[in-house]
N, C-alpha and C. Protein backbone atom coordinates (compact mmCIF):
# COMPACT_ATOMS: atom_id res chain seq x y z
N MET A 1 -14.20 -14.73 -22.52
CA MET A 1 -12.76 -14.94 -22.45
C MET A 1 -12.17 -14.36 -21.17
N ILE A 2 -12.54 -13.10 -20.86
CA ILE A 2 -11.99 -12.46 -19.67
C ILE A 2 -12.53 -13.12 -18.40
N GLU A 3 -13.77 -13.58 -18.45
CA GLU A 3 -14.34 -14.26 -17.29
C GLU A 3 -13.62 -15.57 -16.99
N GLU A 4 -13.22 -16.26 -18.04
CA GLU A 4 -12.49 -17.51 -17.87
C GLU A 4 -11.11 -17.26 -17.25
N ILE A 5 -10.45 -16.22 -17.70
CA ILE A 5 -9.12 -15.88 -17.16
C ILE A 5 -9.23 -15.47 -15.69
N THR A 6 -10.23 -14.66 -15.37
CA THR A 6 -10.40 -14.25 -13.97
C THR A 6 -10.79 -15.43 -13.09
N SER A 7 -11.53 -16.38 -13.64
CA SER A 7 -11.89 -17.57 -12.86
C SER A 7 -10.65 -18.39 -12.53
N TYR A 8 -9.77 -18.56 -13.50
CA TYR A 8 -8.53 -19.30 -13.24
C TYR A 8 -7.62 -18.55 -12.25
N ALA A 9 -7.53 -17.25 -12.42
CA ALA A 9 -6.70 -16.45 -11.50
C ALA A 9 -7.26 -16.50 -10.08
N ALA A 10 -8.58 -16.43 -9.96
CA ALA A 10 -9.20 -16.51 -8.64
C ALA A 10 -8.99 -17.89 -8.03
N GLY A 11 -9.04 -18.92 -8.86
CA GLY A 11 -8.77 -20.27 -8.36
C GLY A 11 -7.36 -20.41 -7.83
N VAL A 12 -6.41 -19.82 -8.54
CA VAL A 12 -5.02 -19.86 -8.09
C VAL A 12 -4.87 -19.09 -6.77
N LEU A 13 -5.52 -17.92 -6.69
CA LEU A 13 -5.46 -17.15 -5.44
C LEU A 13 -6.10 -17.90 -4.28
N LEU A 14 -7.23 -18.56 -4.54
CA LEU A 14 -7.88 -19.33 -3.48
C LEU A 14 -7.03 -20.51 -3.03
N LEU A 15 -6.41 -21.20 -3.98
CA LEU A 15 -5.53 -22.31 -3.61
C LEU A 15 -4.32 -21.83 -2.82
N ALA A 16 -3.75 -20.71 -3.23
CA ALA A 16 -2.62 -20.15 -2.49
C ALA A 16 -3.06 -19.72 -1.09
N GLY A 17 -4.23 -19.11 -0.98
CA GLY A 17 -4.75 -18.72 0.33
C GLY A 17 -5.01 -19.92 1.22
N ALA A 18 -5.55 -20.98 0.65
CA ALA A 18 -5.79 -22.20 1.43
C ALA A 18 -4.47 -22.83 1.86
N LEU A 19 -3.47 -22.78 1.00
CA LEU A 19 -2.15 -23.31 1.37
C LEU A 19 -1.53 -22.52 2.52
N PHE A 20 -1.60 -21.20 2.45
CA PHE A 20 -1.08 -20.38 3.54
C PHE A 20 -1.84 -20.65 4.84
N SER A 21 -3.15 -20.82 4.76
CA SER A 21 -3.94 -21.11 5.96
C SER A 21 -3.59 -22.48 6.53
N LEU A 22 -3.34 -23.45 5.67
CA LEU A 22 -2.92 -24.78 6.13
C LEU A 22 -1.56 -24.70 6.81
N ILE A 23 -0.66 -23.94 6.24
CA ILE A 23 0.66 -23.76 6.85
C ILE A 23 0.52 -23.10 8.21
N ALA A 24 -0.36 -22.12 8.34
CA ALA A 24 -0.59 -21.47 9.63
C ALA A 24 -1.10 -22.46 10.66
N ALA A 25 -1.99 -23.35 10.26
CA ALA A 25 -2.51 -24.35 11.20
C ALA A 25 -1.42 -25.34 11.63
N ILE A 26 -0.59 -25.75 10.70
CA ILE A 26 0.50 -26.68 11.03
C ILE A 26 1.51 -26.01 11.95
N VAL A 27 1.79 -24.75 11.67
CA VAL A 27 2.76 -24.00 12.48
C VAL A 27 2.28 -23.88 13.92
N LEU A 28 0.99 -23.69 14.11
CA LEU A 28 0.45 -23.59 15.47
C LEU A 28 0.71 -24.86 16.28
N LEU A 29 0.73 -25.98 15.61
CA LEU A 29 0.97 -27.24 16.29
C LEU A 29 2.45 -27.53 16.50
N ARG A 30 3.30 -27.00 15.64
CA ARG A 30 4.71 -27.39 15.64
C ARG A 30 5.65 -26.49 16.45
N LEU A 31 5.36 -25.21 16.53
CA LEU A 31 6.30 -24.30 17.18
C LEU A 31 6.18 -24.36 18.70
N PRO A 32 7.25 -24.04 19.43
CA PRO A 32 7.31 -24.35 20.85
C PRO A 32 6.61 -23.39 21.80
N ASP A 33 6.48 -22.12 21.47
CA ASP A 33 5.91 -21.20 22.46
C ASP A 33 5.01 -20.16 21.81
N LEU A 34 4.39 -19.36 22.66
CA LEU A 34 3.41 -18.37 22.23
C LEU A 34 3.99 -17.37 21.24
N TYR A 35 5.18 -16.90 21.47
CA TYR A 35 5.76 -15.85 20.65
C TYR A 35 6.03 -16.33 19.22
N THR A 36 6.62 -17.48 19.07
CA THR A 36 6.89 -17.98 17.72
C THR A 36 5.61 -18.39 17.01
N ARG A 37 4.68 -18.97 17.75
CA ARG A 37 3.39 -19.34 17.15
C ARG A 37 2.65 -18.11 16.67
N MET A 38 2.62 -17.08 17.51
CA MET A 38 1.88 -15.88 17.15
C MET A 38 2.50 -15.19 15.94
N HIS A 39 3.81 -15.14 15.89
CA HIS A 39 4.48 -14.50 14.77
C HIS A 39 4.16 -15.22 13.46
N ALA A 40 4.34 -16.52 13.46
CA ALA A 40 4.12 -17.28 12.23
C ALA A 40 2.65 -17.32 11.84
N ALA A 41 1.77 -17.49 12.81
CA ALA A 41 0.34 -17.56 12.48
C ALA A 41 -0.19 -16.22 12.00
N SER A 42 0.31 -15.13 12.57
CA SER A 42 -0.19 -13.82 12.12
C SER A 42 0.27 -13.53 10.70
N LYS A 43 1.46 -13.97 10.34
CA LYS A 43 1.95 -13.71 8.98
C LYS A 43 1.23 -14.60 7.96
N THR A 44 1.23 -15.91 8.20
CA THR A 44 0.65 -16.81 7.20
C THR A 44 -0.87 -16.76 7.20
N GLY A 45 -1.47 -16.60 8.36
CA GLY A 45 -2.93 -16.49 8.41
C GLY A 45 -3.44 -15.24 7.72
N THR A 46 -2.74 -14.14 7.91
CA THR A 46 -3.10 -12.90 7.25
C THR A 46 -2.95 -13.02 5.74
N MET A 47 -1.87 -13.66 5.33
CA MET A 47 -1.65 -13.84 3.89
C MET A 47 -2.73 -14.73 3.28
N GLY A 48 -3.09 -15.81 3.96
CA GLY A 48 -4.13 -16.71 3.45
C GLY A 48 -5.47 -16.02 3.32
N ALA A 49 -5.88 -15.30 4.35
CA ALA A 49 -7.15 -14.59 4.29
C ALA A 49 -7.10 -13.46 3.27
N GLY A 50 -5.95 -12.78 3.18
CA GLY A 50 -5.81 -11.70 2.21
C GLY A 50 -5.92 -12.18 0.78
N LEU A 51 -5.31 -13.31 0.48
CA LEU A 51 -5.43 -13.87 -0.87
C LEU A 51 -6.86 -14.28 -1.17
N SER A 52 -7.57 -14.76 -0.16
CA SER A 52 -8.99 -15.11 -0.36
C SER A 52 -9.82 -13.86 -0.65
N PHE A 53 -9.54 -12.77 0.07
CA PHE A 53 -10.23 -11.51 -0.22
C PHE A 53 -9.96 -11.04 -1.64
N LEU A 54 -8.71 -11.16 -2.08
CA LEU A 54 -8.38 -10.74 -3.44
C LEU A 54 -9.06 -11.62 -4.48
N ALA A 55 -9.21 -12.91 -4.19
CA ALA A 55 -9.93 -13.80 -5.11
C ALA A 55 -11.40 -13.40 -5.21
N ILE A 56 -11.98 -13.02 -4.08
CA ILE A 56 -13.37 -12.57 -4.09
C ILE A 56 -13.49 -11.30 -4.93
N ALA A 57 -12.58 -10.37 -4.73
CA ALA A 57 -12.62 -9.11 -5.48
C ALA A 57 -12.43 -9.36 -6.98
N LEU A 58 -11.63 -10.36 -7.30
CA LEU A 58 -11.36 -10.64 -8.72
C LEU A 58 -12.56 -11.28 -9.42
N THR A 59 -13.29 -12.13 -8.72
CA THR A 59 -14.40 -12.84 -9.37
C THR A 59 -15.71 -12.07 -9.32
N ALA A 60 -15.83 -11.14 -8.40
CA ALA A 60 -17.09 -10.39 -8.30
C ALA A 60 -17.13 -9.34 -9.40
N PHE A 61 -18.23 -9.30 -10.09
CA PHE A 61 -18.39 -8.28 -11.12
C PHE A 61 -19.40 -7.23 -10.64
N ASP A 62 -19.44 -7.05 -9.32
CA ASP A 62 -20.34 -6.10 -8.69
C ASP A 62 -19.48 -5.11 -7.89
N GLY A 63 -19.62 -3.83 -8.15
CA GLY A 63 -18.79 -2.81 -7.54
C GLY A 63 -18.76 -2.83 -6.02
N PRO A 64 -19.91 -2.88 -5.35
CA PRO A 64 -19.89 -2.89 -3.88
C PRO A 64 -19.19 -4.12 -3.28
N VAL A 65 -19.33 -5.26 -3.93
CA VAL A 65 -18.66 -6.47 -3.44
C VAL A 65 -17.15 -6.33 -3.58
N ILE A 66 -16.71 -5.81 -4.71
CA ILE A 66 -15.28 -5.59 -4.92
C ILE A 66 -14.73 -4.60 -3.91
N LEU A 67 -15.47 -3.52 -3.67
CA LEU A 67 -15.04 -2.52 -2.71
C LEU A 67 -14.94 -3.10 -1.30
N ARG A 68 -15.94 -3.89 -0.90
CA ARG A 68 -15.90 -4.52 0.43
C ARG A 68 -14.75 -5.50 0.57
N ALA A 69 -14.47 -6.25 -0.48
CA ALA A 69 -13.36 -7.21 -0.42
C ALA A 69 -12.03 -6.48 -0.32
N ILE A 70 -11.86 -5.40 -1.05
CA ILE A 70 -10.60 -4.65 -0.99
C ILE A 70 -10.46 -3.95 0.35
N VAL A 71 -11.54 -3.37 0.87
CA VAL A 71 -11.49 -2.74 2.19
C VAL A 71 -11.21 -3.78 3.27
N GLY A 72 -11.80 -4.95 3.15
CA GLY A 72 -11.51 -6.04 4.10
C GLY A 72 -10.07 -6.47 4.05
N PHE A 73 -9.50 -6.55 2.85
CA PHE A 73 -8.09 -6.90 2.67
C PHE A 73 -7.19 -5.86 3.33
N ILE A 74 -7.46 -4.59 3.07
CA ILE A 74 -6.65 -3.52 3.66
C ILE A 74 -6.78 -3.51 5.18
N PHE A 75 -8.00 -3.66 5.68
CA PHE A 75 -8.21 -3.70 7.13
C PHE A 75 -7.45 -4.85 7.77
N LEU A 76 -7.50 -6.01 7.15
CA LEU A 76 -6.79 -7.18 7.67
C LEU A 76 -5.28 -6.95 7.68
N MET A 77 -4.75 -6.38 6.61
CA MET A 77 -3.31 -6.14 6.53
C MET A 77 -2.84 -5.09 7.54
N LEU A 78 -3.70 -4.16 7.90
CA LEU A 78 -3.33 -3.14 8.86
C LEU A 78 -3.49 -3.59 10.31
N THR A 79 -4.48 -4.41 10.59
CA THR A 79 -4.79 -4.72 11.99
C THR A 79 -4.14 -6.01 12.50
N ALA A 80 -3.92 -6.99 11.66
CA ALA A 80 -3.38 -8.26 12.15
C ALA A 80 -1.97 -8.13 12.73
N PRO A 81 -1.03 -7.45 12.07
CA PRO A 81 0.29 -7.31 12.68
C PRO A 81 0.28 -6.50 13.98
N VAL A 82 -0.56 -5.48 14.03
CA VAL A 82 -0.64 -4.66 15.24
C VAL A 82 -1.20 -5.47 16.39
N SER A 83 -2.24 -6.24 16.15
CA SER A 83 -2.82 -7.04 17.23
C SER A 83 -1.87 -8.14 17.68
N ALA A 84 -1.11 -8.73 16.76
CA ALA A 84 -0.13 -9.74 17.16
C ALA A 84 0.96 -9.12 18.02
N HIS A 85 1.40 -7.92 17.65
CA HIS A 85 2.41 -7.24 18.45
C HIS A 85 1.89 -6.92 19.85
N LEU A 86 0.65 -6.44 19.94
CA LEU A 86 0.09 -6.10 21.25
C LEU A 86 -0.10 -7.33 22.12
N LEU A 87 -0.51 -8.44 21.52
CA LEU A 87 -0.65 -9.68 22.30
C LEU A 87 0.69 -10.19 22.79
N ALA A 88 1.72 -10.11 21.96
CA ALA A 88 3.05 -10.53 22.38
C ALA A 88 3.59 -9.63 23.47
N ARG A 89 3.35 -8.35 23.35
CA ARG A 89 3.80 -7.41 24.38
C ARG A 89 3.08 -7.67 25.69
N ALA A 90 1.79 -7.93 25.64
CA ALA A 90 1.04 -8.23 26.86
C ALA A 90 1.56 -9.51 27.51
N ALA A 91 1.85 -10.52 26.72
CA ALA A 91 2.40 -11.76 27.26
C ALA A 91 3.76 -11.52 27.90
N CYS A 92 4.56 -10.68 27.28
CA CYS A 92 5.88 -10.35 27.82
C CYS A 92 5.75 -9.60 29.14
N LEU A 93 4.82 -8.65 29.20
CA LEU A 93 4.66 -7.84 30.41
C LEU A 93 4.12 -8.63 31.59
N VAL A 94 3.33 -9.66 31.33
CA VAL A 94 2.83 -10.47 32.45
C VAL A 94 3.82 -11.56 32.85
N GLY A 95 4.92 -11.67 32.12
CA GLY A 95 5.98 -12.58 32.52
C GLY A 95 5.99 -13.93 31.84
N TYR A 96 5.31 -14.07 30.72
CA TYR A 96 5.33 -15.34 30.00
C TYR A 96 6.71 -15.56 29.41
N LYS A 97 7.34 -16.63 29.80
CA LYS A 97 8.71 -16.93 29.36
C LYS A 97 8.69 -17.69 28.04
N PRO A 98 9.58 -17.32 27.13
CA PRO A 98 9.69 -18.08 25.89
C PRO A 98 10.34 -19.44 26.11
N SER A 99 10.19 -20.29 25.15
CA SER A 99 10.79 -21.63 25.21
C SER A 99 12.31 -21.52 25.21
N ASN A 100 12.96 -22.57 25.66
CA ASN A 100 14.42 -22.61 25.63
C ASN A 100 14.95 -22.64 24.20
N LEU A 101 14.12 -23.07 23.26
CA LEU A 101 14.52 -23.11 21.86
C LEU A 101 14.45 -21.75 21.18
N THR A 102 13.77 -20.81 21.81
CA THR A 102 13.59 -19.49 21.23
C THR A 102 14.80 -18.61 21.53
N GLU A 103 15.28 -17.94 20.51
CA GLU A 103 16.40 -17.02 20.69
C GLU A 103 15.88 -15.73 21.32
N LEU A 104 16.48 -15.31 22.41
CA LEU A 104 15.99 -14.15 23.14
C LEU A 104 16.42 -12.85 22.48
N ASN A 105 15.65 -11.81 22.73
CA ASN A 105 15.91 -10.49 22.19
C ASN A 105 16.91 -9.76 23.09
N ASP A 106 17.98 -9.27 22.54
CA ASP A 106 18.98 -8.57 23.32
C ASP A 106 18.48 -7.25 23.84
N PHE A 107 17.55 -6.62 23.17
CA PHE A 107 17.04 -5.33 23.62
C PHE A 107 16.23 -5.46 24.90
N ALA A 108 15.62 -6.61 25.14
CA ALA A 108 14.81 -6.79 26.35
C ALA A 108 15.65 -6.70 27.60
N ARG A 109 16.91 -7.11 27.55
CA ARG A 109 17.78 -7.05 28.73
C ARG A 109 18.25 -5.63 29.03
N ASP A 110 18.21 -4.75 28.04
CA ASP A 110 18.69 -3.38 28.23
C ASP A 110 17.64 -2.46 28.80
N ARG A 111 16.40 -2.91 28.85
CA ARG A 111 15.31 -2.05 29.34
C ARG A 111 15.34 -1.93 30.84
N SER A 112 15.02 -0.78 31.34
CA SER A 112 15.05 -0.55 32.79
C SER A 112 13.68 -0.59 33.42
N ASP A 113 12.59 -0.70 32.62
CA ASP A 113 11.25 -0.71 33.22
C ASP A 113 10.77 -2.07 33.41
């Protein structure tokens, strides 16, 4: 009984993860510049992979597999936003201009460096 419930829950998590990953792929094609693409892809891609990790942890009845899936989920949630921020900052520092459709940050004009 419990195995059947966990199988259905894992299926729902996998479908949700696949949906988030599909949205991330579509967003990469639709948004106008690096900054908006990176923001949206890092959020939805991280969520899609994270839900897949949770589905793995839910269906595995082996302690080390569950531990690895949870550690992978935590690592992904901690590193993906930081790496997206660093890539956006690097693009900004080398002078990559955002699209005309992108709303500019008011704080960037106040900086003196």
